[in-house]
Amino acid sequence: MTDQGTTTAEDTGARQRAIEAYESVRDRTTDTLGQAPLLALAGGLAAGALIAALLPRTDAESRLIRPTARRVKDTAKVAFDAAKDTGSQRLDEMGLNREKGEKTIRSLLEGLTDAARASANAALDAARNADKG
């Protein structure tokens, strides 16, 4: 055991290795930042977003964010309504509206009903003819 005031050769060697490791990491980080600054920025933003997501929101943040969140929500609603209205208008221009869709479905169901009825009658007639023959 050593006194607090004395330094051994082992302590000096460990300290020197720690300094060299720190300098090596610092140099590699500086080189990486110099070669790909946008990548480093993206990594920093991602780390910041992760930390922010893990921390609870304060009342002050809620008060500051609320108007922006409301504005984003209102803008998204306006955009959705505009897209819906434009889509409906284009479908109407093409003749594809609710009334025409209902008529088409009704016609399809009537056709299916008629086809099923005709098939059942044909099967019944075939069965009757087979019994007579």
N, C-alpha and C. Protein backbone atom coordinates (compact mmCIF):
# COMPACT_ATOMS: atom_id res chain seq x y z
N MET A 1 0.84 -1.16 0.00
CA MET A 1 0.00 0.00 0.00
C MET A 1 0.89 1.23 0.00
N THR A 2 0.49 2.26 -0.68
CA THR A 2 1.30 3.47 -0.74
C THR A 2 0.63 4.59 0.02
N ASP A 3 1.43 5.54 0.43
CA ASP A 3 0.89 6.73 1.08
C ASP A 3 0.26 7.61 0.03
N GLN A 4 -0.61 8.48 0.47
CA GLN A 4 -1.27 9.35 -0.50
C GLN A 4 -0.30 10.30 -1.17
N GLY A 5 0.75 10.62 -0.55
CA GLY A 5 1.69 11.58 -1.10
C GLY A 5 2.72 10.96 -2.02
N THR A 6 2.86 9.65 -2.05
CA THR A 6 3.88 9.01 -2.87
C THR A 6 3.26 8.41 -4.11
N THR A 7 4.03 8.35 -5.18
CA THR A 7 3.58 7.79 -6.44
C THR A 7 4.52 6.67 -6.81
N THR A 8 3.98 5.53 -7.18
CA THR A 8 4.80 4.39 -7.56
C THR A 8 4.97 4.40 -9.07
N ALA A 9 5.89 3.57 -9.52
CA ALA A 9 6.14 3.44 -10.95
C ALA A 9 4.90 2.87 -11.64
N GLU A 10 4.19 1.98 -10.94
CA GLU A 10 2.98 1.38 -11.49
C GLU A 10 1.91 2.44 -11.70
N ASP A 11 1.73 3.36 -10.73
CA ASP A 11 0.76 4.44 -10.84
C ASP A 11 1.12 5.35 -12.00
N THR A 12 2.39 5.64 -12.15
CA THR A 12 2.84 6.53 -13.22
C THR A 12 2.58 5.88 -14.58
N GLY A 13 2.83 4.59 -14.70
CA GLY A 13 2.59 3.88 -15.96
C GLY A 13 1.11 3.85 -16.31
N ALA A 14 0.26 3.61 -15.32
CA ALA A 14 -1.19 3.58 -15.56
C ALA A 14 -1.67 4.97 -15.97
N ARG A 15 -1.13 5.98 -15.29
CA ARG A 15 -1.53 7.36 -15.64
C ARG A 15 -1.10 7.69 -17.07
N GLN A 16 0.09 7.29 -17.44
CA GLN A 16 0.61 7.57 -18.78
C GLN A 16 -0.23 6.84 -19.85
N ARG A 17 -0.62 5.59 -19.57
CA ARG A 17 -1.45 4.84 -20.51
C ARG A 17 -2.82 5.49 -20.66
N ALA A 18 -3.38 5.99 -19.56
CA ALA A 18 -4.68 6.66 -19.63
C ALA A 18 -4.58 7.94 -20.46
N ILE A 19 -3.52 8.68 -20.29
CA ILE A 19 -3.33 9.91 -21.08
C ILE A 19 -3.19 9.58 -22.55
N GLU A 20 -2.42 8.55 -22.86
CA GLU A 20 -2.22 8.15 -24.26
C GLU A 20 -3.54 7.67 -24.88
N ALA A 21 -4.32 6.91 -24.11
CA ALA A 21 -5.61 6.43 -24.63
C ALA A 21 -6.54 7.60 -24.89
N TYR A 22 -6.58 8.56 -23.96
CA TYR A 22 -7.41 9.75 -24.14
C TYR A 22 -7.00 10.52 -25.39
N GLU A 23 -5.71 10.72 -25.57
CA GLU A 23 -5.22 11.46 -26.74
C GLU A 23 -5.54 10.72 -28.03
N SER A 24 -5.44 9.40 -28.00
CA SER A 24 -5.74 8.60 -29.18
C SER A 24 -7.22 8.73 -29.56
N VAL A 25 -8.10 8.62 -28.57
CA VAL A 25 -9.54 8.76 -28.83
C VAL A 25 -9.84 10.17 -29.32
N ARG A 26 -9.23 11.18 -28.70
CA ARG A 26 -9.45 12.57 -29.11
C ARG A 26 -9.01 12.77 -30.56
N ASP A 27 -7.87 12.24 -30.93
CA ASP A 27 -7.37 12.39 -32.30
C ASP A 27 -8.29 11.70 -33.31
N ARG A 28 -8.74 10.46 -32.98
CA ARG A 28 -9.64 9.74 -33.89
C ARG A 28 -10.97 10.47 -34.03
N THR A 29 -11.48 11.03 -32.94
CA THR A 29 -12.75 11.76 -32.98
C THR A 29 -12.60 13.01 -33.82
N THR A 30 -11.49 13.73 -33.65
CA THR A 30 -11.24 14.93 -34.44
C THR A 30 -11.14 14.58 -35.92
N ASP A 31 -10.44 13.48 -36.25
CA ASP A 31 -10.33 13.05 -37.65
C ASP A 31 -11.71 12.71 -38.22
N THR A 32 -12.53 11.99 -37.45
CA THR A 32 -13.86 11.59 -37.91
C THR A 32 -14.73 12.82 -38.14
N LEU A 33 -14.69 13.75 -37.21
CA LEU A 33 -15.49 14.98 -37.36
C LEU A 33 -15.04 15.78 -38.57
N GLY A 34 -13.74 15.77 -38.83
CA GLY A 34 -13.22 16.50 -39.99
C GLY A 34 -13.62 15.85 -41.30
N GLN A 35 -13.71 14.53 -41.32
CA GLN A 35 -14.03 13.81 -42.55
C GLN A 35 -15.53 13.75 -42.81
N ALA A 36 -16.34 13.69 -41.78
CA ALA A 36 -17.79 13.54 -41.97
C ALA A 36 -18.54 14.40 -40.95
N PRO A 37 -18.51 15.72 -41.12
CA PRO A 37 -19.16 16.58 -40.13
C PRO A 37 -20.68 16.41 -40.10
N LEU A 38 -21.29 16.13 -41.25
CA LEU A 38 -22.74 15.95 -41.26
C LEU A 38 -23.14 14.67 -40.54
N LEU A 39 -22.32 13.66 -40.66
CA LEU A 39 -22.58 12.41 -39.94
C LEU A 39 -22.48 12.64 -38.44
N ALA A 40 -21.49 13.39 -38.03
CA ALA A 40 -21.34 13.70 -36.61
C ALA A 40 -22.52 14.54 -36.12
N LEU A 41 -22.96 15.49 -36.93
CA LEU A 41 -24.11 16.32 -36.57
C LEU A 41 -25.36 15.46 -36.43
N ALA A 42 -25.59 14.56 -37.37
CA ALA A 42 -26.75 13.68 -37.32
C ALA A 42 -26.69 12.79 -36.07
N GLY A 43 -25.52 12.29 -35.75
CA GLY A 43 -25.36 11.48 -34.56
C GLY A 43 -25.66 12.29 -33.30
N GLY A 44 -25.20 13.51 -33.26
CA GLY A 44 -25.47 14.38 -32.12
C GLY A 44 -26.95 14.69 -31.99
N LEU A 45 -27.60 14.96 -33.11
CA LEU A 45 -29.04 15.22 -33.08
C LEU A 45 -29.81 13.99 -32.62
N ALA A 46 -29.42 12.82 -33.11
CA ALA A 46 -30.09 11.59 -32.69
C ALA A 46 -29.90 11.35 -31.20
N ALA A 47 -28.70 11.56 -30.70
CA ALA A 47 -28.45 11.37 -29.28
C ALA A 47 -29.26 12.38 -28.46
N GLY A 48 -29.33 13.62 -28.92
CA GLY A 48 -30.12 14.63 -28.22
C GLY A 48 -31.60 14.29 -28.21
N ALA A 49 -32.11 13.81 -29.34
CA ALA A 49 -33.52 13.43 -29.43
C ALA A 49 -33.82 12.26 -28.50
N LEU A 50 -32.91 11.31 -28.44
CA LEU A 50 -33.10 10.16 -27.55
C LEU A 50 -33.11 10.60 -26.09
N ILE A 51 -32.19 11.46 -25.72
CA ILE A 51 -32.16 11.96 -24.34
C ILE A 51 -33.43 12.74 -24.04
N ALA A 52 -33.85 13.60 -24.97
CA ALA A 52 -35.08 14.38 -24.76
C ALA A 52 -36.31 13.49 -24.63
N ALA A 53 -36.35 12.41 -25.40
CA ALA A 53 -37.50 11.51 -25.34
C ALA A 53 -37.55 10.75 -24.01
N LEU A 54 -36.40 10.51 -23.42
CA LEU A 54 -36.35 9.76 -22.17
C LEU A 54 -36.64 10.62 -20.94
N LEU A 55 -36.42 11.93 -21.07
CA LEU A 55 -36.65 12.82 -19.94
C LEU A 55 -38.11 13.24 -19.89
N PRO A 56 -38.69 13.35 -18.70
CA PRO A 56 -40.09 13.80 -18.62
C PRO A 56 -40.21 15.27 -19.01
N ARG A 57 -41.35 15.62 -19.61
CA ARG A 57 -41.59 17.00 -20.04
C ARG A 57 -41.96 17.85 -18.83
N THR A 58 -41.39 19.03 -18.75
CA THR A 58 -41.71 19.93 -17.64
C THR A 58 -42.93 20.76 -18.00
N ASP A 59 -43.50 21.42 -16.98
CA ASP A 59 -44.65 22.29 -17.22
C ASP A 59 -44.29 23.44 -18.15
N ALA A 60 -43.09 23.97 -17.98
CA ALA A 60 -42.65 25.07 -18.83
C ALA A 60 -42.56 24.62 -20.29
N GLU A 61 -42.01 23.43 -20.50
CA GLU A 61 -41.93 22.91 -21.87
C GLU A 61 -43.32 22.71 -22.45
N SER A 62 -44.23 22.19 -21.65
CA SER A 62 -45.60 21.97 -22.13
C SER A 62 -46.23 23.30 -22.55
N ARG A 63 -46.05 24.34 -21.74
CA ARG A 63 -46.62 25.65 -22.09
C ARG A 63 -45.99 26.20 -23.36
N LEU A 64 -44.70 25.98 -23.53
CA LEU A 64 -44.02 26.51 -24.72
C LEU A 64 -44.34 25.70 -25.97
N ILE A 65 -44.51 24.40 -25.82
CA ILE A 65 -44.74 23.52 -26.98
C ILE A 65 -46.20 23.53 -27.41
N ARG A 66 -47.12 23.75 -26.49
CA ARG A 66 -48.55 23.65 -26.78
C ARG A 66 -48.97 24.49 -28.00
N PRO A 67 -48.59 25.77 -28.12
CA PRO A 67 -49.02 26.54 -29.30
C PRO A 67 -48.48 25.96 -30.61
N THR A 68 -47.24 25.49 -30.59
CA THR A 68 -46.66 24.91 -31.80
C THR A 68 -47.35 23.60 -32.15
N ALA A 69 -47.60 22.78 -31.14
CA ALA A 69 -48.29 21.50 -31.39
C ALA A 69 -49.69 21.75 -31.93
N ARG A 70 -50.38 22.73 -31.39
CA ARG A 70 -51.73 23.06 -31.87
C ARG A 70 -51.67 23.54 -33.32
N ARG A 71 -50.67 24.37 -33.63
CA ARG A 71 -50.52 24.87 -35.00
C ARG A 71 -50.23 23.72 -35.98
N VAL A 72 -49.37 22.80 -35.58
CA VAL A 72 -49.05 21.64 -36.43
C VAL A 72 -50.29 20.78 -36.63
N LYS A 73 -51.05 20.56 -35.56
CA LYS A 73 -52.28 19.76 -35.65
C LYS A 73 -53.28 20.43 -36.57
N ASP A 74 -53.47 21.74 -36.42
CA ASP A 74 -54.42 22.47 -37.27
C ASP A 74 -53.98 22.43 -38.74
N THR A 75 -52.69 22.59 -38.97
CA THR A 75 -52.17 22.54 -40.35
C THR A 75 -52.38 21.16 -40.96
N ALA A 76 -52.15 20.11 -40.17
CA ALA A 76 -52.35 18.75 -40.68
C ALA A 76 -53.83 18.51 -41.00
N LYS A 77 -54.73 19.03 -40.17
CA LYS A 77 -56.16 18.87 -40.42
C LYS A 77 -56.57 19.60 -41.70
N VAL A 78 -56.07 20.82 -41.89
CA VAL A 78 -56.37 21.57 -43.10
C VAL A 78 -55.85 20.82 -44.34
N ALA A 79 -54.63 20.28 -44.24
CA ALA A 79 -54.05 19.54 -45.36
C ALA A 79 -54.88 18.29 -45.66
N PHE A 80 -55.30 17.57 -44.62
CA PHE A 80 -56.11 16.37 -44.80
C PHE A 80 -57.44 16.72 -45.47
N ASP A 81 -58.10 17.78 -44.97
CA ASP A 81 -59.39 18.19 -45.55
C ASP A 81 -59.23 18.59 -47.01
N ALA A 82 -58.15 19.31 -47.32
CA ALA A 82 -57.91 19.73 -48.70
C ALA A 82 -57.69 18.52 -49.60
N ALA A 83 -56.93 17.55 -49.13
CA ALA A 83 -56.68 16.33 -49.92
C ALA A 83 -57.97 15.56 -50.13
N LYS A 84 -58.78 15.45 -49.07
CA LYS A 84 -60.05 14.72 -49.17
C LYS A 84 -60.99 15.41 -50.15
N ASP A 85 -61.10 16.73 -50.04
CA ASP A 85 -61.99 17.48 -50.93
C ASP A 85 -61.53 17.39 -52.38
N THR A 86 -60.23 17.51 -52.60
CA THR A 86 -59.70 17.42 -53.96
C THR A 86 -59.91 16.02 -54.54
N GLY A 87 -59.69 15.00 -53.72
CA GLY A 87 -59.92 13.63 -54.19
C GLY A 87 -61.37 13.39 -54.53
N SER A 88 -62.28 13.87 -53.68
CA SER A 88 -63.71 13.71 -53.96
C SER A 88 -64.11 14.44 -55.23
N GLN A 89 -63.56 15.63 -55.41
CA GLN A 89 -63.87 16.41 -56.61
C GLN A 89 -63.39 15.68 -57.87
N ARG A 90 -62.17 15.14 -57.82
CA ARG A 90 -61.65 14.41 -58.99
C ARG A 90 -62.49 13.17 -59.28
N LEU A 91 -62.92 12.46 -58.24
CA LEU A 91 -63.76 11.28 -58.46
C LEU A 91 -65.10 11.69 -59.06
N ASP A 92 -65.67 12.82 -58.60
CA ASP A 92 -66.92 13.32 -59.18
C ASP A 92 -66.74 13.66 -60.65
N GLU A 93 -65.61 14.30 -60.98
CA GLU A 93 -65.33 14.65 -62.38
C GLU A 93 -65.24 13.41 -63.25
N MET A 94 -64.78 12.32 -62.69
CA MET A 94 -64.66 11.07 -63.43
C MET A 94 -65.98 10.29 -63.42
N GLY A 95 -66.96 10.82 -62.73
CA GLY A 95 -68.24 10.14 -62.66
C GLY A 95 -68.29 9.06 -61.60
N LEU A 96 -67.31 9.07 -60.71
CA LEU A 96 -67.27 8.07 -59.65
C LEU A 96 -67.66 8.75 -58.34
N ASN A 97 -68.97 8.83 -58.11
CA ASN A 97 -69.44 9.43 -56.87
C ASN A 97 -70.21 8.40 -56.06
N ARG A 98 -70.68 8.82 -54.92
CA ARG A 98 -71.36 7.89 -54.01
C ARG A 98 -72.62 7.30 -54.66
N GLU A 99 -73.40 8.16 -55.31
CA GLU A 99 -74.65 7.69 -55.94
C GLU A 99 -74.36 6.65 -57.01
N LYS A 100 -73.36 6.94 -57.86
CA LYS A 100 -73.03 5.99 -58.91
C LYS A 100 -72.48 4.71 -58.31
N GLY A 101 -71.70 4.82 -57.23
CA GLY A 101 -71.16 3.63 -56.56
C GLY A 101 -72.28 2.77 -56.00
N GLU A 102 -73.28 3.41 -55.39
CA GLU A 102 -74.42 2.66 -54.84
C GLU A 102 -75.18 1.95 -55.95
N LYS A 103 -75.38 2.65 -57.09
CA LYS A 103 -76.07 2.04 -58.22
C LYS A 103 -75.29 0.84 -58.75
N THR A 104 -73.98 1.00 -58.83
CA THR A 104 -73.13 -0.08 -59.33
C THR A 104 -73.19 -1.29 -58.41
N ILE A 105 -73.12 -1.06 -57.12
CA ILE A 105 -73.19 -2.17 -56.16
C ILE A 105 -74.56 -2.83 -56.21
N ARG A 106 -75.62 -2.02 -56.28
CA ARG A 106 -76.97 -2.58 -56.36
C ARG A 106 -77.11 -3.43 -57.61
N SER A 107 -76.63 -2.93 -58.74
CA SER A 107 -76.69 -3.67 -60.00
C SER A 107 -75.90 -4.97 -59.90
N LEU A 108 -74.72 -4.90 -59.29
CA LEU A 108 -73.90 -6.10 -59.13
C LEU A 108 -74.62 -7.14 -58.28
N LEU A 109 -75.21 -6.69 -57.17
CA LEU A 109 -75.93 -7.63 -56.30
C LEU A 109 -77.14 -8.24 -57.02
N GLU A 110 -77.85 -7.42 -57.79
CA GLU A 110 -78.99 -7.95 -58.56
C GLU A 110 -78.51 -8.97 -59.58
N GLY A 111 -77.39 -8.68 -60.23
CA GLY A 111 -76.82 -9.62 -61.20
C GLY A 111 -76.41 -10.93 -60.53
N LEU A 112 -75.79 -10.81 -59.35
CA LEU A 112 -75.40 -12.02 -58.63
C LEU A 112 -76.62 -12.83 -58.20
N THR A 113 -77.66 -12.13 -57.76
CA THR A 113 -78.89 -12.80 -57.35
C THR A 113 -79.52 -13.52 -58.53
N ASP A 114 -79.59 -12.84 -59.67
CA ASP A 114 -80.16 -13.45 -60.88
C ASP A 114 -79.34 -14.66 -61.31
N ALA A 115 -78.01 -14.53 -61.25
CA ALA A 115 -77.15 -15.65 -61.65
C ALA A 115 -77.35 -16.83 -60.71
N ALA A 116 -77.45 -16.56 -59.42
CA ALA A 116 -77.65 -17.64 -58.45
C ALA A 116 -79.01 -18.31 -58.66
N ARG A 117 -80.03 -17.48 -58.91
CA ARG A 117 -81.37 -18.01 -59.15
C ARG A 117 -81.38 -18.88 -60.42
N ALA A 118 -80.76 -18.39 -61.48
CA ALA A 118 -80.72 -19.14 -62.74
C ALA A 118 -79.95 -20.45 -62.56
N SER A 119 -78.84 -20.40 -61.81
CA SER A 119 -78.05 -21.61 -61.56
C SER A 119 -78.86 -22.63 -60.76
N ALA A 120 -79.58 -22.15 -59.74
CA ALA A 120 -80.39 -23.04 -58.92
C ALA A 120 -81.50 -23.67 -59.76
N ASN A 121 -82.14 -22.87 -60.62
CA ASN A 121 -83.20 -23.40 -61.48
C ASN A 121 -82.65 -24.43 -62.46
N ALA A 122 -81.47 -24.13 -63.01
CA ALA A 122 -80.86 -25.08 -63.95
C ALA A 122 -80.53 -26.39 -63.25
N ALA A 123 -80.00 -26.30 -62.03
CA ALA A 123 -79.67 -27.51 -61.27
C ALA A 123 -80.94 -28.29 -60.94
N LEU A 124 -81.98 -27.58 -60.57
CA LEU A 124 -83.26 -28.23 -60.26
C LEU A 124 -83.84 -28.91 -61.49
N ASP A 125 -83.83 -28.21 -62.64
CA ASP A 125 -84.32 -28.80 -63.89
C ASP A 125 -83.50 -30.03 -64.28
N ALA A 126 -82.19 -29.95 -64.12
CA ALA A 126 -81.33 -31.08 -64.46
C ALA A 126 -81.64 -32.27 -63.57
N ALA A 127 -81.88 -32.01 -62.29
CA ALA A 127 -82.20 -33.09 -61.36
C ALA A 127 -83.53 -33.72 -61.70
N ARG A 128 -84.53 -32.90 -62.07
CA ARG A 128 -85.84 -33.42 -62.44
C ARG A 128 -85.74 -34.26 -63.71
N ASN A 129 -84.98 -33.77 -64.68
CA ASN A 129 -84.84 -34.50 -65.95
C ASN A 129 -84.09 -35.80 -65.73
N ALA A 130 -83.14 -35.82 -64.80
CA ALA A 130 -82.39 -37.04 -64.54
C ALA A 130 -83.31 -38.08 -63.89
N ASP A 131 -84.25 -37.66 -63.05
CA ASP A 131 -85.17 -38.59 -62.40
C ASP A 131 -86.17 -39.16 -63.41
N LYS A 132 -86.56 -38.39 -64.42
CA LYS A 132 -87.53 -38.84 -65.43
C LYS A 132 -86.89 -39.79 -66.42
N GLY A 133 -85.64 -39.62 -66.63
CA GLY A 133 -85.00 -40.36 -67.69
C GLY A 133 -84.51 -41.68 -67.37
